[in-house]
Protein backbone atom coordinates (compact mmCIF):
# COMPACT_ATOMS: atom_id res chain seq x y z
CA MET A 1 -84.97 -11.96 -46.21
CA LEU A 2 -84.38 -15.72 -45.98
CA HIS A 3 -82.36 -15.90 -42.77
CA ALA A 4 -85.07 -17.88 -40.93
CA TRP A 5 -85.27 -20.58 -43.62
CA ARG A 6 -81.60 -21.53 -43.74
CA SER A 7 -82.42 -24.76 -41.89
CA THR A 8 -85.33 -26.50 -40.19
CA SER A 9 -83.82 -25.94 -36.75
CA ALA A 10 -83.29 -22.24 -37.51
CA LEU A 11 -86.94 -21.85 -38.49
CA THR A 12 -88.08 -23.62 -35.33
CA ALA A 13 -85.83 -21.40 -33.19
CA THR A 14 -87.51 -18.22 -34.44
CA GLY A 15 -90.75 -19.03 -32.59
CA PHE A 16 -91.87 -18.92 -28.98
CA ARG A 17 -91.55 -22.01 -26.85
CA THR A 18 -95.22 -22.86 -26.77
CA ALA A 19 -94.85 -26.32 -25.22
CA ASN A 20 -96.09 -26.36 -21.62
CA ALA A 21 -96.70 -22.60 -21.78
CA ASN A 22 -99.44 -22.81 -19.17
CA GLU A 23 -97.41 -24.86 -16.68
CA ARG A 24 -94.76 -22.24 -15.92
CA THR A 25 -95.52 -19.65 -13.24
CA PRO A 26 -95.02 -16.09 -14.61
CA THR A 27 -92.51 -14.00 -12.68
CA LEU A 28 -92.80 -10.53 -14.25
CA SER A 29 -95.36 -7.74 -14.16
CA PHE A 30 -96.52 -6.00 -17.34
CA THR A 31 -97.86 -2.59 -18.29
CA LEU A 32 -99.39 -2.51 -21.77
CA LEU A 33 -99.58 0.90 -23.46
CA VAL A 34 -102.26 1.46 -26.11
CA PRO A 35 -102.13 4.93 -27.69
CA ALA A 36 -105.37 5.64 -29.56
CA ARG A 37 -106.51 8.62 -31.60
CA HIS A 38 -109.84 8.61 -33.44
CA GLU A 39 -110.02 4.83 -33.03
CA GLU A 40 -113.62 4.42 -31.91
CA GLU A 41 -114.21 1.54 -34.34
CA VAL A 42 -111.48 -0.79 -33.10
CA LEU A 43 -110.25 0.28 -29.66
CA ALA A 44 -112.85 -1.52 -27.52
CA HIS A 45 -112.13 -4.88 -29.16
CA THR A 46 -108.37 -4.46 -28.66
CA LEU A 47 -108.68 -3.51 -25.00
CA GLU A 48 -111.06 -6.40 -24.36
CA ARG A 49 -108.60 -8.86 -25.93
CA LEU A 50 -105.80 -7.47 -23.79
CA VAL A 51 -107.97 -7.89 -20.68
CA GLU A 52 -108.26 -11.56 -21.62
CA GLN A 53 -104.49 -12.06 -21.29
CA ASP A 54 -103.76 -15.26 -19.37
CA HIS A 55 -101.23 -13.58 -17.09
CA PRO A 56 -101.71 -12.73 -13.40
CA ASP A 57 -100.03 -9.31 -13.31
CA VAL A 58 -101.09 -6.97 -16.11
CA GLU A 59 -102.20 -3.36 -16.24
CA ILE A 60 -103.46 -1.77 -19.45
CA ILE A 61 -103.20 1.95 -20.11
CA ALA A 62 -105.26 3.46 -22.91
CA ILE A 63 -103.81 6.85 -23.90
CA VAL A 64 -106.32 9.19 -25.54
CA GLY A 65 -106.24 12.82 -26.61
CA HIS A 66 -108.04 15.57 -24.71
CA ASP A 67 -109.63 16.64 -28.02
CA ASP A 68 -110.90 13.16 -28.94
CA PRO A 69 -114.08 12.59 -26.88
CA GLY A 70 -115.27 9.67 -29.00
CA THR A 71 -112.19 7.54 -28.40
CA GLU A 72 -112.05 8.61 -24.75
CA ALA A 73 -115.63 7.48 -24.23
CA VAL A 74 -114.85 4.05 -25.67
CA ALA A 75 -111.72 3.72 -23.51
CA ARG A 76 -113.53 4.75 -20.33
CA SER A 77 -116.41 2.36 -20.99
CA VAL A 78 -113.94 -0.53 -21.07
CA ALA A 79 -112.09 0.80 -18.00
CA ASP A 80 -115.39 1.00 -16.10
CA ARG A 81 -116.03 -2.67 -16.84
CA PHE A 82 -112.50 -3.78 -15.95
CA PRO A 83 -111.25 -1.28 -13.34
CA ASP A 84 -108.68 -3.74 -11.96
CA ARG A 85 -106.88 -3.98 -15.30
CA VAL A 86 -107.65 -0.95 -17.48
CA ARG A 87 -107.10 2.73 -16.83
CA VAL A 88 -107.20 5.79 -19.07
CA VAL A 89 -104.56 8.50 -19.42
CA VAL A 90 -105.46 11.74 -21.21
CA ASP A 91 -102.79 13.38 -23.35
CA ASP A 92 -103.19 17.16 -23.60
CA SER A 93 -99.98 17.83 -25.54
CA VAL A 94 -100.12 19.85 -28.77
CA PRO A 95 -99.33 18.74 -31.40
CA LYS A 96 -99.96 15.11 -30.60
CA ASN A 97 -98.05 12.06 -31.71
CA LYS A 98 -97.47 8.48 -30.64
CA PRO A 99 -94.12 8.88 -28.81
CA LYS A 100 -95.51 11.74 -26.69
CA ALA A 101 -98.43 9.51 -25.70
CA LEU A 102 -96.10 6.64 -24.79
CA ASN A 103 -93.83 8.88 -22.70
CA LEU A 104 -96.81 10.24 -20.80
CA ALA A 105 -98.05 6.78 -19.86
CA LEU A 106 -94.52 5.59 -19.07
CA GLN A 107 -94.41 8.03 -16.15
CA THR A 108 -97.08 6.08 -14.24
CA SER A 109 -96.40 2.56 -15.52
CA ARG A 110 -96.18 0.09 -12.66
CA GLY A 111 -95.02 -3.04 -14.49
CA GLU A 112 -91.45 -4.30 -14.68
CA ILE A 113 -92.01 -4.73 -18.42
CA VAL A 114 -93.69 -2.15 -20.61
CA GLY A 115 -95.33 -3.36 -23.83
CA VAL A 116 -96.72 -1.37 -26.73
CA PHE A 117 -99.79 -2.20 -28.80
CA ASP A 118 -101.74 -0.32 -31.44
CA ALA A 119 -105.44 0.39 -31.11
CA GLU A 120 -106.42 -2.07 -33.87
CA ASP A 121 -104.31 -5.04 -32.73
CA GLU A 122 -105.71 -8.55 -32.49
CA VAL A 123 -103.66 -10.08 -29.64
CA HIS A 124 -103.49 -13.73 -28.60
CA PRO A 125 -104.56 -14.21 -24.94
CA GLN A 126 -101.48 -16.29 -24.04
CA LEU A 127 -98.91 -13.95 -25.56
CA LEU A 128 -97.72 -12.43 -22.28
CA ARG A 129 -97.01 -15.83 -20.73
CA LEU A 130 -94.75 -16.62 -23.66
CA VAL A 131 -93.04 -13.24 -23.49
CA ASP A 132 -92.54 -13.69 -19.74
CA GLU A 133 -90.89 -17.04 -20.41
CA ARG A 134 -88.62 -15.56 -23.07
CA PHE A 135 -87.42 -12.80 -20.73
CA ALA A 136 -86.72 -15.33 -17.99
CA THR A 137 -84.82 -17.86 -20.10
CA THR A 138 -82.76 -15.49 -22.26
CA GLY A 139 -82.03 -12.56 -19.94
CA ALA A 140 -83.23 -10.25 -22.70
CA ASP A 141 -83.64 -6.51 -22.27
CA VAL A 142 -86.18 -6.37 -25.11
CA VAL A 143 -88.49 -8.98 -26.61
CA GLN A 144 -89.96 -8.23 -30.02
CA GLY A 145 -93.00 -10.33 -30.87
CA GLY A 146 -94.33 -10.98 -34.33
CA VAL A 147 -96.79 -8.71 -36.13
CA GLN A 148 -98.63 -9.78 -39.24
CA LEU A 149 -100.92 -7.99 -41.66
CA MET A 150 -103.64 -10.41 -42.72
CA ASN A 151 -105.91 -9.05 -45.46
CA ILE A 152 -104.19 -10.31 -48.63
CA GLU A 153 -107.49 -10.28 -50.50
CA THR A 154 -108.25 -6.56 -50.15
CA SER A 155 -106.20 -5.17 -53.05
CA TRP A 156 -103.10 -5.74 -55.17
CA TRP A 157 -101.01 -3.53 -52.91
CA SER A 158 -102.34 -5.00 -49.66
CA LEU A 159 -101.07 -8.37 -50.90
CA ARG A 160 -97.56 -6.97 -51.24
CA ASN A 161 -97.81 -5.13 -47.93
CA VAL A 162 -98.75 -8.38 -46.18
CA LEU A 163 -95.73 -10.16 -47.66
CA GLU A 164 -93.42 -7.35 -46.57
CA TYR A 165 -94.48 -7.90 -42.97
CA TYR A 166 -94.18 -11.66 -43.35
CA PHE A 167 -90.56 -11.59 -44.46
CA TRP A 168 -89.66 -8.73 -42.10
CA PHE A 169 -90.97 -10.23 -38.86
CA ARG A 170 -90.51 -13.86 -39.88
CA SER A 171 -86.86 -13.50 -40.89
CA ARG A 172 -85.21 -10.10 -41.22
CA LEU A 173 -85.66 -8.98 -37.61
CA HIS A 174 -84.15 -12.26 -36.38
CA PHE A 175 -81.09 -11.57 -38.52
CA HIS A 176 -80.79 -8.04 -37.12
CA ALA A 177 -81.16 -9.31 -33.56
CA GLU A 178 -78.26 -11.72 -34.11
CA GLN A 179 -76.18 -8.84 -35.48
CA ARG A 180 -77.00 -6.76 -32.36
CA PHE A 181 -78.48 -3.94 -34.45
CA ILE A 182 -82.25 -3.85 -34.75
CA PRO A 183 -84.91 -1.25 -35.58
CA LEU A 184 -87.76 -2.36 -33.34
CA GLY A 185 -91.37 -2.73 -34.41
CA GLY A 186 -93.99 -0.21 -33.37
CA ASN A 187 -96.04 -2.72 -31.39
CA THR A 188 -95.89 -6.14 -29.74
CA VAL A 189 -92.56 -4.95 -28.40
CA PHE A 190 -91.71 -5.41 -24.72
CA LEU A 191 -88.97 -3.50 -22.90
CA ARG A 192 -87.71 -3.41 -19.33
CA THR A 193 -89.37 -0.34 -17.86
CA ASP A 194 -86.38 0.92 -15.90
CA GLN A 195 -84.16 0.65 -18.95
CA VAL A 196 -86.58 2.67 -21.09
CA ARG A 197 -86.77 5.35 -18.41
CA ASP A 198 -82.99 5.46 -18.06
CA ALA A 199 -82.74 5.87 -21.83
CA GLY A 200 -85.08 8.87 -21.72
CA GLY A 201 -88.14 7.17 -23.20
CA TRP A 202 -89.16 7.49 -26.82
CA ASP A 203 -87.94 10.35 -29.00
CA ALA A 204 -90.95 12.70 -29.10
CA GLU A 205 -89.81 14.39 -32.31
CA CYS A 206 -89.10 11.27 -34.36
CA LEU A 207 -91.64 9.93 -36.87
CA ALA A 208 -90.18 6.44 -36.48
CA GLU A 209 -89.95 6.31 -32.70
CA ASP A 210 -89.82 2.50 -32.71
CA CYS A 211 -86.83 2.40 -35.05
CA GLU A 212 -85.12 5.16 -33.09
CA ILE A 213 -85.39 3.51 -29.69
CA GLY A 214 -84.26 0.21 -31.19
CA VAL A 215 -81.15 1.84 -32.66
CA ARG A 216 -80.49 3.73 -29.43
CA LEU A 217 -80.79 0.64 -27.23
CA SER A 218 -78.67 -1.37 -29.69
CA SER A 219 -75.93 1.24 -29.43
CA GLN A 220 -76.10 0.88 -25.64
CA GLY A 221 -75.58 -2.88 -25.86
CA ALA A 222 -79.13 -4.01 -25.07
CA ARG A 223 -79.92 -7.66 -25.75
CA VAL A 224 -82.94 -8.02 -28.06
CA VAL A 225 -84.74 -11.30 -28.65
CA VAL A 226 -87.24 -11.74 -31.50
CA ALA A 227 -89.96 -14.39 -31.65
CA TYR A 228 -92.46 -14.98 -34.46
CA ASP A 229 -95.04 -17.70 -33.98
CA PRO A 230 -98.07 -17.78 -36.31
CA GLU A 231 -100.29 -19.02 -33.49
CA VAL A 232 -99.66 -15.99 -31.29
CA VAL A 233 -98.68 -13.33 -33.80
CA THR A 234 -100.38 -9.95 -33.38
CA ARG A 235 -102.71 -9.50 -36.32
CA GLU A 236 -103.29 -6.20 -38.10
CA GLU A 237 -104.72 -4.82 -41.32
CA THR A 238 -103.12 -2.87 -44.14
CA PRO A 239 -104.03 0.82 -44.48
CA GLY A 240 -107.50 1.23 -45.92
CA SER A 241 -106.53 3.14 -49.05
CA LEU A 242 -103.53 3.74 -51.28
CA PRO A 243 -103.25 7.42 -50.21
CA SER A 244 -103.25 6.28 -46.58
CA LEU A 245 -100.47 3.78 -47.30
CA TYR A 246 -98.60 6.51 -49.17
CA LYS A 247 -98.66 8.78 -46.11
CA GLN A 248 -97.66 5.91 -43.84
CA ARG A 249 -94.64 4.99 -45.97
CA THR A 250 -93.68 8.65 -46.20
CA ARG A 251 -93.70 8.88 -42.41
CA TRP A 252 -91.63 5.73 -42.00
CA SER A 253 -89.05 6.82 -44.58
CA GLN A 254 -88.81 10.30 -43.08
CA GLY A 255 -88.41 8.77 -39.63
CA PHE A 256 -85.51 6.67 -40.85
CA LEU A 257 -83.85 9.78 -42.24
CA GLN A 258 -84.27 11.44 -38.85
CA VAL A 259 -82.62 8.47 -37.13
CA LEU A 260 -79.79 8.57 -39.67
CA ARG A 261 -79.25 12.27 -39.01
CA LYS A 262 -79.40 11.84 -35.24
CA GLY A 263 -76.32 9.61 -35.40
CA GLU A 264 -76.89 7.25 -32.46
CA TRP A 265 -75.98 4.37 -34.80
CA LYS A 266 -72.40 5.68 -34.90
CA LYS A 267 -72.01 4.43 -31.31
CA LEU A 268 -72.49 0.80 -32.36
CA PRO A 269 -69.31 -1.08 -31.42
CA GLY A 270 -68.83 -3.14 -34.58
CA ARG A 271 -67.87 -1.81 -38.02
CA SER A 272 -70.25 -4.24 -39.72
CA GLN A 273 -73.05 -3.03 -37.43
CA ARG A 274 -72.39 0.59 -38.39
CA LEU A 275 -72.29 -0.26 -42.09
CA MET A 276 -75.56 -2.14 -41.80
CA ALA A 277 -77.14 0.77 -39.94
CA ARG A 278 -75.96 3.29 -42.52
CA TYR A 279 -77.28 1.12 -45.36
CA MET A 280 -80.70 0.57 -43.79
CA LEU A 281 -81.24 4.11 -42.55
CA SER A 282 -80.09 5.56 -45.89
CA MET A 283 -82.53 3.43 -47.87
CA PRO A 284 -85.08 6.28 -48.27
CA PHE A 285 -82.37 8.30 -50.07
CA LEU A 286 -81.66 5.35 -52.36
CA GLN A 287 -85.34 4.82 -53.07
CA ALA A 288 -85.87 8.52 -53.68
CA GLY A 289 -83.01 8.48 -56.17
CA THR A 290 -84.61 5.51 -57.89
CA GLY A 291 -87.91 7.38 -58.11
CA LEU A 292 -86.27 10.41 -59.70
CA LEU A 293 -84.45 8.20 -62.22
CA ILE A 294 -87.58 6.38 -63.40
CA PRO A 295 -88.67 9.02 -65.96
CA ILE A 296 -85.06 9.37 -67.14
CA SER A 297 -84.82 5.61 -67.60
CA LEU A 298 -88.05 5.52 -69.60
CA ALA A 299 -86.79 8.33 -71.81
CA LEU A 300 -83.53 6.49 -72.43
CA VAL A 301 -85.40 3.31 -73.35
CA LEU A 302 -87.46 5.18 -75.94
CA PHE A 303 -84.94 7.56 -77.42
CA ALA A 304 -81.33 6.68 -76.57
CA LYS A 305 -79.14 4.65 -78.92
CA VAL A 306 -76.43 2.73 -77.08
CA PRO A 307 -74.02 -0.05 -78.10
CA THR A 308 -75.44 -3.56 -77.87
CA PRO A 309 -73.12 -4.70 -75.00
CA ILE A 310 -74.22 -1.75 -72.85
CA ALA A 311 -77.86 -2.47 -73.66
CA LEU A 312 -77.39 -6.09 -72.55
CA ILE A 313 -75.60 -5.07 -69.35
CA SER A 314 -78.52 -2.78 -68.51
CA PHE A 315 -80.70 -5.87 -68.09
CA LEU A 316 -78.55 -7.30 -65.28
CA PRO A 317 -80.67 -5.74 -62.47
CA LEU A 318 -83.51 -7.98 -63.65
CA VAL A 319 -81.64 -11.02 -62.29
CA PRO A 320 -81.97 -10.22 -58.55
CA THR A 321 -85.45 -8.82 -59.23
CA VAL A 322 -86.62 -12.13 -60.71
CA ILE A 323 -84.96 -14.09 -57.89
CA VAL A 324 -86.72 -11.98 -55.28
CA LEU A 325 -90.03 -12.37 -57.11
CA CYS A 326 -89.63 -16.16 -57.05
CA VAL A 327 -88.98 -16.01 -53.31
CA GLU A 328 -92.09 -13.86 -52.84
CA VAL A 329 -94.20 -16.36 -54.78
CA ALA A 330 -92.95 -19.14 -52.50
CA GLY A 331 -93.54 -16.92 -49.47
CA LEU A 332 -97.13 -16.23 -50.51
CA GLY A 333 -97.77 -19.96 -50.78
CA GLU A 334 -96.33 -20.58 -47.33
CA PHE A 335 -98.29 -17.68 -45.85
CA GLY A 336 -101.49 -19.30 -47.14
CA ARG A 337 -100.60 -22.67 -45.62
CA VAL A 338 -99.45 -21.25 -42.27
CA TYR A 339 -102.51 -19.05 -41.80
CA ASP A 340 -105.02 -21.32 -43.52
CA ARG A 341 -105.78 -18.72 -46.17
CA LYS A 342 -106.76 -19.77 -49.66
CA VAL A 343 -104.25 -18.30 -52.10
CA ARG A 344 -105.77 -18.22 -55.57
CA ILE A 345 -104.12 -18.12 -58.98
CA ARG A 346 -105.21 -14.52 -59.36
CA ASP A 347 -103.34 -13.66 -56.15
CA TYR A 348 -100.11 -14.91 -57.68
CA VAL A 349 -100.89 -12.94 -60.84
CA ARG A 350 -101.49 -9.79 -58.80
CA LEU A 351 -98.22 -10.38 -56.95
CA VAL A 352 -96.22 -10.62 -60.17
CA LEU A 353 -97.94 -7.78 -62.01
CA GLY A 354 -97.71 -5.52 -58.97
CA THR A 355 -93.94 -5.81 -58.60
CA PHE A 356 -92.93 -2.77 -60.65
CA PRO A 357 -95.89 -0.50 -59.71
CA TYR A 358 -95.29 -1.17 -56.00
CA GLN A 359 -91.59 -0.33 -56.23
CA VAL A 360 -92.46 2.89 -58.07
CA PHE A 361 -95.00 3.65 -55.34
CA LEU A 362 -92.40 3.16 -52.59
CA ALA A 363 -89.92 5.32 -54.50
CA LEU A 364 -92.44 8.15 -54.77
CA ALA A 365 -93.18 7.93 -51.05
CA ALA A 366 -89.44 8.14 -50.38
CA VAL A 367 -89.15 11.22 -52.61
CA ARG A 368 -91.92 12.87 -50.60
CA ALA A 369 -90.16 11.89 -47.35
CA VAL A 370 -86.91 13.52 -48.47
CA VAL A 371 -88.77 16.67 -49.53
CA ARG A 372 -90.64 16.88 -46.21
CA GLU A 373 -87.47 16.32 -44.19
CA THR A 374 -85.60 18.95 -46.22
CA ARG A 375 -88.39 21.45 -45.56
CA GLY A 376 -88.59 20.56 -41.87
CA GLU A 377 -92.19 19.32 -42.19
CA ARG A 378 -92.56 16.71 -39.46
CA GLY A 379 -96.28 16.62 -38.75
CA TRP A 380 -97.68 13.20 -37.82
CA GLU A 381 -99.93 11.78 -40.56
CA LYS A 382 -102.15 9.19 -38.94
CA THR A 383 -103.14 5.88 -40.57
CA GLU A 384 -106.86 5.10 -40.43
CA HIS A 385 -108.08 1.65 -39.41
CA ALA A 386 -111.42 -0.11 -39.91
CA GLY A 387 -110.74 -3.54 -38.35
CA ALA A 388 -110.80 -5.52 -41.61
CA HIS A 389 -108.50 -8.14 -40.05
CA ILE A 390 -110.70 -8.87 -37.02
CA ASP A 391 -112.84 -12.00 -36.92
CA ARG A 392 -115.06 -11.20 -33.96
CA SER A 393 -116.74 -14.61 -34.05
CA ALA A 394 -113.54 -16.67 -34.04
CA GLY A 395 -112.58 -18.72 -31.02
CA VAL A 396 -109.27 -18.52 -29.23
CA PRO A 397 -106.64 -20.80 -30.81
CA SER A 398 -104.83 -23.31 -28.62
CA LEU A 399 -101.11 -23.51 -28.03
CA SER A 400 -101.10 -27.26 -27.57
CA ALA A 401 -100.06 -28.06 -31.13
CA PRO A 402 -96.68 -27.16 -32.62
CA SER A 403 -96.43 -24.11 -34.82
CA PRO A 404 -97.37 -24.77 -38.46
CA ALA A 405 -94.37 -22.77 -39.60
CA ALA A 406 -92.01 -24.64 -37.33
CA SER A 407 -93.13 -27.99 -38.75
CA SER A 408 -93.22 -26.90 -42.39
CA THR A 409 -90.11 -27.92 -44.29
CA ASP A 410 -91.35 -28.19 -47.87
CA ALA A 411 -92.10 -24.52 -48.53
CA SER A 412 -88.85 -22.86 -47.53
CA PRO A 413 -87.49 -20.54 -50.24
CA THR A 414 -83.86 -21.19 -51.11
CA ALA A 415 -82.58 -18.05 -52.85
CA THR A 416 -80.90 -15.18 -50.98
CA SER A 417 -81.72 -11.51 -51.33
CA ASP A 418 -82.93 -8.64 -49.19
CA THR A 419 -83.85 -6.14 -51.88
CA THR A 420 -87.57 -6.18 -51.10
CA ALA A 421 -87.35 -5.77 -47.36
CA PRO A 422 -89.70 -3.09 -46.05
CA VAL A 423 -87.59 0.03 -46.15
CA THR A 424 -88.70 1.21 -42.79
CA ALA A 425 -90.19 -1.85 -41.34
CA GLY A 426 -89.64 -1.19 -37.77
CA ALA A 427 -92.67 -2.22 -39.41
CA ALA A 428 -95.95 -2.63 -37.69
CA ARG A 429 -96.30 1.06 -37.22
CA SER A 430 -99.67 2.73 -37.46
């Protein structure tokens, strides 16, 4: 959770090298895949921003369903305006899901690098130049860019969801990349096309296809580089309602259970890697167990009589919980400074008061994931998007100045814990 803040140089190293980004000549070609289903409200803006990429060799493939005429019409209208960069692929598979759409487009991708974006993404126009540079200088097989939810003001749970992404992409993924075991994010991820094809593409039956391909490539020894820079981070919104978030977290947790059962992680060469994989992929089981124990715990509090020493010992789990909460408070303050968002006193109050309800919520989603996986129910439950994170009037930020996060040294949390990491945060899935 705090890996990125262990030193000023470590924090700086987590970002892209934005200095002189426009002076280097790009050497790679890119194909950007944008699967979209019932995304009429946000797809056009995303495709238009991708067209604006300051890179000489980019093709954009919008993948739409044959039974979704509204989204197809939006995609084709953009393709008609930018025929040299945008084309449309129609997915007629039944039932539909994201990995099937990605595999379909992968068949005709022309770029040396294939990148994945979601239909509601707000993408910086110079991102591909920076990714190109990172591939060239590191020899990476995969580059994972940063993704950040933005709408902290929407609700008490959106505030916590935003912070999950912040710690996950800002720090946790960098730690996993160093350990050579990483569940990739669902978008702003760039992979060498030939390597993805050789690996068989994305797992069409997995509800966490991003996590699965990350684990599979890690087990094959792929080199993954992660970069999070607030200036060029891909911006997204939280799900629009609590039921929508509930379904999303269920899908992520169930996907992790599928990856655990598939067993590719057992091929990781290091014992510590395998232990880490087992811990992370088993987290939905642990959370589900927590959810089932909540009513039992409440009953014990009200009715059980236990010796005083045992009662005191039972309070020990509060210690890491309070430490993590302090780190989250510091993280919320830094998020506000980095992204120039006003964090109010009531936001801190919502963060503190929402700690227990949010953990209960995640536990209930994990219980539902375990039940669905046990029953073999693996239907894709889509997350709706309304574009609450998009500022359509905002100008394009410049890369000339150093990253605010890289220059900030007074807001770095100092405690260590990972107990609030997003359980399935291959994160940025939609």
